[in-house]
PDB file of N, CA and C in Angstrom:
ATOM      1  N   MET A   1     -15.717  11.504 -28.544  1.00  0.00           N
ATOM      2  CA  MET A   1     -15.502  12.799 -27.925  1.00  0.00           C
ATOM      3  C   MET A   1     -14.729  12.663 -26.619  1.00  0.00           C
ATOM      4  N   TYR A   2     -15.247  11.745 -25.706  1.00  0.00           N
ATOM      5  CA  TYR A   2     -14.495  11.565 -24.454  1.00  0.00           C
ATOM      6  C   TYR A   2     -13.130  11.021 -24.667  1.00  0.00           C
ATOM      7  N   HIS A   3     -13.026  10.041 -25.624  1.00  0.00           N
ATOM      8  CA  HIS A   3     -11.766   9.419 -25.877  1.00  0.00           C
ATOM      9  C   HIS A   3     -10.753  10.458 -26.412  1.00  0.00           C
ATOM     10  N   ASP A   4     -11.199  11.381 -27.242  1.00  0.00           N
ATOM     11  CA  ASP A   4     -10.336  12.447 -27.701  1.00  0.00           C
ATOM     12  C   ASP A   4      -9.901  13.411 -26.593  1.00  0.00           C
ATOM     13  N   ARG A   5     -10.902  13.683 -25.748  1.00  0.00           N
ATOM     14  CA  ARG A   5     -10.604  14.600 -24.615  1.00  0.00           C
ATOM     15  C   ARG A   5      -9.633  13.985 -23.589  1.00  0.00           C
ATOM     16  N   ALA A   6      -9.640  12.698 -23.525  1.00  0.00           N
ATOM     17  CA  ALA A   6      -8.721  11.968 -22.611  1.00  0.00           C
ATOM     18  C   ALA A   6      -7.415  11.686 -23.237  1.00  0.00           C
ATOM     19  N   SER A   7      -7.043  12.471 -24.248  1.00  0.00           N
ATOM     20  CA  SER A   7      -5.762  12.311 -24.973  1.00  0.00           C
ATOM     21  C   SER A   7      -5.561  10.846 -25.453  1.00  0.00           C
ATOM     22  N   ARG A   8      -6.643  10.274 -25.885  1.00  0.00           N
ATOM     23  CA  ARG A   8      -6.649   8.910 -26.447  1.00  0.00           C
ATOM     24  C   ARG A   8      -6.132   7.894 -25.468  1.00  0.00           C
ATOM     25  N   GLN A   9      -6.279   8.087 -24.227  1.00  0.00           N
ATOM     26  CA  GLN A   9      -5.930   7.096 -23.238  1.00  0.00           C
ATOM     27  C   GLN A   9      -6.939   5.972 -23.270  1.00  0.00           C
ATOM     28  N   ASN A  10      -6.512   4.770 -23.005  1.00  0.00           N
ATOM     29  CA  ASN A  10      -7.323   3.597 -22.973  1.00  0.00           C
ATOM     30  C   ASN A  10      -6.925   2.758 -21.766  1.00  0.00           C
ATOM     31  N   PRO A  11      -7.711   2.576 -20.771  1.00  0.00           N
ATOM     32  CA  PRO A  11      -9.123   3.018 -20.597  1.00  0.00           C
ATOM     33  C   PRO A  11      -9.305   4.500 -20.224  1.00  0.00           C
ATOM     34  N   PHE A  12     -10.444   4.981 -20.367  1.00  0.00           N
ATOM     35  CA  PHE A  12     -10.723   6.381 -19.947  1.00  0.00           C
ATOM     36  C   PHE A  12     -12.009   6.442 -19.111  1.00  0.00           C
ATOM     37  N   ARG A  13     -12.225   7.540 -18.464  1.00  0.00           N
ATOM     38  CA  ARG A  13     -13.394   7.743 -17.559  1.00  0.00           C
ATOM     39  C   ARG A  13     -14.498   8.494 -18.286  1.00  0.00           C
ATOM     40  N   VAL A  14     -15.749   8.033 -18.003  1.00  0.00           N
ATOM     41  CA  VAL A  14     -16.883   8.812 -18.583  1.00  0.00           C
ATOM     42  C   VAL A  14     -17.956   8.894 -17.536  1.00  0.00           C
ATOM     43  N   SER A  15     -18.764   9.930 -17.647  1.00  0.00           N
ATOM     44  CA  SER A  15     -19.920  10.174 -16.815  1.00  0.00           C
ATOM     45  C   SER A  15     -21.170   9.748 -17.610  1.00  0.00           C
ATOM     46  N   ARG A  16     -22.006   8.983 -16.919  1.00  0.00           N
ATOM     47  CA  ARG A  16     -23.312   8.566 -17.548  1.00  0.00           C
ATOM     48  C   ARG A  16     -24.076   9.792 -17.952  1.00  0.00           C
ATOM     49  N   ARG A  17     -24.188  10.796 -17.089  1.00  0.00           N
ATOM     50  CA  ARG A  17     -24.901  11.993 -17.404  1.00  0.00           C
ATOM     51  C   ARG A  17     -24.424  12.707 -18.648  1.00  0.00           C
ATOM     52  N   GLU A  18     -23.095  12.840 -18.735  1.00  0.00           N
ATOM     53  CA  GLU A  18     -22.518  13.499 -19.869  1.00  0.00           C
ATOM     54  C   GLU A  18     -22.738  12.717 -21.195  1.00  0.00           C
ATOM     55  N   LEU A  19     -22.557  11.415 -21.087  1.00  0.00           N
ATOM     56  CA  LEU A  19     -22.776  10.557 -22.257  1.00  0.00           C
ATOM     57  C   LEU A  19     -24.171  10.628 -22.767  1.00  0.00           C
ATOM     58  N   MET A  20     -25.117  10.567 -21.793  1.00  0.00           N
ATOM     59  CA  MET A  20     -26.513  10.716 -22.174  1.00  0.00           C
ATOM     60  C   MET A  20     -26.830  12.018 -22.838  1.00  0.00           C
ATOM     61  N   LYS A  21     -26.273  13.105 -22.282  1.00  0.00           N
ATOM     62  CA  LYS A  21     -26.450  14.407 -22.819  1.00  0.00           C
ATOM     63  C   LYS A  21     -26.005  14.549 -24.282  1.00  0.00           C
ATOM     64  N   HIS A  22     -24.729  14.005 -24.514  1.00  0.00           N
ATOM     65  CA  HIS A  22     -24.174  14.182 -25.829  1.00  0.00           C
ATOM     66  C   HIS A  22     -24.748  13.224 -26.863  1.00  0.00           C
ATOM     67  N   SER A  23     -25.320  12.115 -26.414  1.00  0.00           N
ATOM     68  CA  SER A  23     -25.908  11.124 -27.330  1.00  0.00           C
ATOM     69  C   SER A  23     -27.403  11.282 -27.442  1.00  0.00           C
ATOM     70  N   ALA A  24     -28.010  12.252 -26.819  1.00  0.00           N
ATOM     71  CA  ALA A  24     -29.472  12.517 -26.840  1.00  0.00           C
ATOM     72  C   ALA A  24     -30.245  11.348 -26.338  1.00  0.00           C
ATOM     73  N   ILE A  25     -29.709  10.551 -25.448  1.00  0.00           N
ATOM     74  CA  ILE A  25     -30.426   9.474 -24.753  1.00  0.00           C
ATOM     75  C   ILE A  25     -31.036  10.086 -23.522  1.00  0.00           C
ATOM     76  N   ARG A  26     -32.312   9.800 -23.389  1.00  0.00           N
ATOM     77  CA  ARG A  26     -33.067  10.469 -22.277  1.00  0.00           C
ATOM     78  C   ARG A  26     -33.484   9.447 -21.192  1.00  0.00           C
ATOM     79  N   SER A  27     -33.353   8.201 -21.457  1.00  0.00           N
ATOM     80  CA  SER A  27     -33.767   7.156 -20.536  1.00  0.00           C
ATOM     81  C   SER A  27     -32.583   6.329 -19.994  1.00  0.00           C
ATOM     82  N   TYR A  28     -32.596   6.049 -18.723  1.00  0.00           N
ATOM     83  CA  TYR A  28     -31.558   5.216 -18.164  1.00  0.00           C
ATOM     84  C   TYR A  28     -31.621   3.807 -18.785  1.00  0.00           C
ATOM     85  N   ALA A  29     -32.823   3.303 -18.995  1.00  0.00           N
ATOM     86  CA  ALA A  29     -32.997   1.974 -19.649  1.00  0.00           C
ATOM     87  C   ALA A  29     -32.323   1.904 -20.973  1.00  0.00           C
ATOM     88  N   THR A  30     -32.494   2.992 -21.821  1.00  0.00           N
ATOM     89  CA  THR A  30     -31.880   3.034 -23.098  1.00  0.00           C
ATOM     90  C   THR A  30     -30.411   3.123 -22.927  1.00  0.00           C
ATOM     91  N   TYR A  31     -29.880   3.881 -22.070  1.00  0.00           N
ATOM     92  CA  TYR A  31     -28.440   3.990 -21.860  1.00  0.00           C
ATOM     93  C   TYR A  31     -27.913   2.601 -21.554  1.00  0.00           C
ATOM     94  N   HIS A  32     -28.465   1.912 -20.581  1.00  0.00           N
ATOM     95  CA  HIS A  32     -27.991   0.567 -20.201  1.00  0.00           C
ATOM     96  C   HIS A  32     -28.129  -0.437 -21.349  1.00  0.00           C
ATOM     97  N   LYS A  33     -29.180  -0.319 -22.126  1.00  0.00           N
ATOM     98  CA  LYS A  33     -29.321  -1.245 -23.288  1.00  0.00           C
ATOM     99  C   LYS A  33     -28.232  -0.996 -24.249  1.00  0.00           C
ATOM    100  N   CYS A  34     -27.925   0.248 -24.578  1.00  0.00           N
ATOM    101  CA  CYS A  34     -26.827   0.599 -25.484  1.00  0.00           C
ATOM    102  C   CYS A  34     -25.503   0.105 -24.994  1.00  0.00           C
ATOM    103  N   MET A  35     -25.211   0.331 -23.715  1.00  0.00           N
ATOM    104  CA  MET A  35     -23.922  -0.079 -23.103  1.00  0.00           C
ATOM    105  C   MET A  35     -23.840  -1.598 -23.199  1.00  0.00           C
ATOM    106  N   ASN A  36     -24.924  -2.317 -22.859  1.00  0.00           N
ATOM    107  CA  ASN A  36     -24.870  -3.748 -22.908  1.00  0.00           C
ATOM    108  C   ASN A  36     -24.693  -4.258 -24.335  1.00  0.00           C
ATOM    109  N   GLU A  37     -25.196  -3.618 -25.351  1.00  0.00           N
ATOM    110  CA  GLU A  37     -25.008  -4.024 -26.744  1.00  0.00           C
ATOM    111  C   GLU A  37     -23.550  -3.815 -27.124  1.00  0.00           C
ATOM    112  N   LEU A  38     -22.984  -2.721 -26.739  1.00  0.00           N
ATOM    113  CA  LEU A  38     -21.508  -2.468 -27.012  1.00  0.00           C
ATOM    114  C   LEU A  38     -20.665  -3.490 -26.351  1.00  0.00           C
ATOM    115  N   ILE A  39     -20.949  -3.834 -25.099  1.00  0.00           N
ATOM    116  CA  ILE A  39     -20.261  -4.920 -24.384  1.00  0.00           C
ATOM    117  C   ILE A  39     -20.428  -6.244 -25.118  1.00  0.00           C
ATOM    118  N   ALA A  40     -21.638  -6.654 -25.438  1.00  0.00           N
ATOM    119  CA  ALA A  40     -21.938  -7.907 -26.043  1.00  0.00           C
ATOM    120  C   ALA A  40     -21.264  -8.055 -27.385  1.00  0.00           C
ATOM    121  N   ASN A  41     -21.110  -6.968 -28.121  1.00  0.00           N
ATOM    122  CA  ASN A  41     -20.469  -7.036 -29.459  1.00  0.00           C
ATOM    123  C   ASN A  41     -18.935  -6.950 -29.402  1.00  0.00           C
ATOM    124  N   GLY A  42     -18.420  -6.882 -28.160  1.00  0.00           N
ATOM    125  CA  GLY A  42     -16.972  -6.867 -27.942  1.00  0.00           C
ATOM    126  C   GLY A  42     -16.346  -5.581 -28.335  1.00  0.00           C
ATOM    127  N   LEU A  43     -17.066  -4.449 -28.306  1.00  0.00           N
ATOM    128  CA  LEU A  43     -16.484  -3.156 -28.693  1.00  0.00           C
ATOM    129  C   LEU A  43     -15.895  -2.392 -27.490  1.00  0.00           C
ATOM    130  N   ILE A  44     -16.437  -2.674 -26.260  1.00  0.00           N
ATOM    131  CA  ILE A  44     -15.952  -2.002 -25.090  1.00  0.00           C
ATOM    132  C   ILE A  44     -15.923  -2.942 -23.893  1.00  0.00           C
ATOM    133  N   GLU A  45     -15.086  -2.596 -22.930  1.00  0.00           N
ATOM    134  CA  GLU A  45     -15.256  -3.167 -21.555  1.00  0.00           C
ATOM    135  C   GLU A  45     -15.683  -2.044 -20.740  1.00  0.00           C
ATOM    136  N   TYR A  46     -16.626  -2.235 -19.812  1.00  0.00           N
ATOM    137  CA  TYR A  46     -17.250  -1.239 -19.010  1.00  0.00           C
ATOM    138  C   TYR A  46     -17.236  -1.562 -17.581  1.00  0.00           C
ATOM    139  N   GLU A  47     -16.623  -0.695 -16.763  1.00  0.00           N
ATOM    140  CA  GLU A  47     -16.580  -0.848 -15.311  1.00  0.00           C
ATOM    141  C   GLU A  47     -17.339   0.271 -14.731  1.00  0.00           C
ATOM    142  N   PRO A  48     -18.611   0.024 -14.351  1.00  0.00           N
ATOM    143  CA  PRO A  48     -19.437   1.124 -13.808  1.00  0.00           C
ATOM    144  C   PRO A  48     -18.920   1.548 -12.403  1.00  0.00           C
ATOM    145  N   SER A  49     -19.123   2.822 -12.138  1.00  0.00           N
ATOM    146  CA  SER A  49     -18.798   3.355 -10.882  1.00  0.00           C
ATOM    147  C   SER A  49     -20.078   3.611 -10.128  1.00  0.00           C
ATOM    148  N   TYR A  50     -20.176   3.116  -8.908  1.00  0.00           N
ATOM    149  CA  TYR A  50     -21.367   3.256  -8.148  1.00  0.00           C
ATOM    150  C   TYR A  50     -21.292   4.450  -7.155  1.00  0.00           C
ATOM    151  N   HIS A  51     -20.262   5.193  -7.316  1.00  0.00           N
ATOM    152  CA  HIS A  51     -19.966   6.399  -6.521  1.00  0.00           C
ATOM    153  C   HIS A  51     -20.421   7.655  -7.310  1.00  0.00           C
ATOM    154  N   PRO A  52     -21.179   8.491  -6.741  1.00  0.00           N
ATOM    155  CA  PRO A  52     -21.660   9.674  -7.510  1.00  0.00           C
ATOM    156  C   PRO A  52     -20.580  10.630  -7.973  1.00  0.00           C
ATOM    157  N   ASN A  53     -19.461  10.623  -7.345  1.00  0.00           N
ATOM    158  CA  ASN A  53     -18.321  11.554  -7.739  1.00  0.00           C
ATOM    159  C   ASN A  53     -17.311  10.976  -8.638  1.00  0.00           C
ATOM    160  N   PHE A  54     -17.339   9.676  -8.947  1.00  0.00           N
ATOM    161  CA  PHE A  54     -16.324   9.048  -9.766  1.00  0.00           C
ATOM    162  C   PHE A  54     -17.021   8.550 -11.053  1.00  0.00           C
ATOM    163  N   ALA A  55     -16.364   8.854 -12.159  1.00  0.00           N
ATOM    164  CA  ALA A  55     -16.877   8.412 -13.420  1.00  0.00           C
ATOM    165  C   ALA A  55     -16.563   6.966 -13.668  1.00  0.00           C
ATOM    166  N   SER A  56     -17.360   6.325 -14.547  1.00  0.00           N
ATOM    167  CA  SER A  56     -17.118   4.890 -14.856  1.00  0.00           C
ATOM    168  C   SER A  56     -15.943   4.833 -15.803  1.00  0.00           C
ATOM    169  N   ARG A  57     -15.406   3.600 -15.888  1.00  0.00           N
ATOM    170  CA  ARG A  57     -14.209   3.349 -16.721  1.00  0.00           C
ATOM    171  C   ARG A  57     -14.666   2.573 -17.957  1.00  0.00           C
ATOM    172  N   VAL A  58     -14.216   3.121 -19.153  1.00  0.00           N
ATOM    173  CA  VAL A  58     -14.520   2.426 -20.433  1.00  0.00           C
ATOM    174  C   VAL A  58     -13.162   2.140 -21.144  1.00  0.00           C
ATOM    175  N   THR A  59     -13.047   0.913 -21.659  1.00  0.00           N
ATOM    176  CA  THR A  59     -11.865   0.533 -22.431  1.00  0.00           C
ATOM    177  C   THR A  59     -12.437   0.206 -23.856  1.00  0.00           C
ATOM    178  N   LEU A  60     -11.870   0.921 -24.892  1.00  0.00           N
ATOM    179  CA  LEU A  60     -12.200   0.587 -26.288  1.00  0.00           C
ATOM    180  C   LEU A  60     -11.482  -0.630 -26.671  1.00  0.00           C
ATOM    181  N   LEU A  61     -12.123  -1.576 -27.354  1.00  0.00           N
ATOM    182  CA  LEU A  61     -11.487  -2.787 -27.782  1.00  0.00           C
ATOM    183  C   LEU A  61     -11.335  -2.765 -29.294  1.00  0.00           C
ATOM    184  N   ASP A  62     -10.352  -3.529 -29.783  1.00  0.00           N
ATOM    185  CA  ASP A  62     -10.202  -3.605 -31.244  1.00  0.00           C
ATOM    186  C   ASP A  62     -11.009  -4.750 -31.782  1.00  0.00           C
ATOM    187  N   ASN A  63     -10.847  -5.074 -33.012  1.00  0.00           N
ATOM    188  CA  ASN A  63     -11.685  -6.151 -33.665  1.00  0.00           C
ATOM    189  C   ASN A  63     -11.511  -7.554 -32.966  1.00  0.00           C
ATOM    190  N   ASN A  64     -10.338  -7.739 -32.368  1.00  0.00           N
ATOM    191  CA  ASN A  64     -10.040  -8.988 -31.728  1.00  0.00           C
ATOM    192  C   ASN A  64     -10.494  -9.057 -30.271  1.00  0.00           C
ATOM    193  N   GLY A  65     -11.187  -7.981 -29.844  1.00  0.00           N
ATOM    194  CA  GLY A  65     -11.593  -7.913 -28.449  1.00  0.00           C
ATOM    195  C   GLY A  65     -10.503  -7.587 -27.438  1.00  0.00           C
ATOM    196  N   GLU A  66      -9.425  -6.932 -27.967  1.00  0.00           N
ATOM    197  CA  GLU A  66      -8.275  -6.615 -27.099  1.00  0.00           C
ATOM    198  C   GLU A  66      -8.164  -5.101 -27.008  1.00  0.00           C
ATOM    199  N   ALA A  67      -7.627  -4.671 -25.909  1.00  0.00           N
ATOM    200  CA  ALA A  67      -7.476  -3.176 -25.674  1.00  0.00           C
ATOM    201  C   ALA A  67      -6.474  -2.585 -26.560  1.00  0.00           C
TER     202      ALA A  67
END
């Protein structure tokens, strides 16, 4: 959904709050567990934003772990 909204740009920005809302994740621990699994499986690169007004950056990777 976010990737489509960002005109298929890679990387793109996402908000933790919005991702949790759209994926029905209610716990920060579950969110971080899911993100860590995606990273560990080589599906995404994730650069968290520690600023409340800036979204984090996600890069979707192909099967070879490349953007």
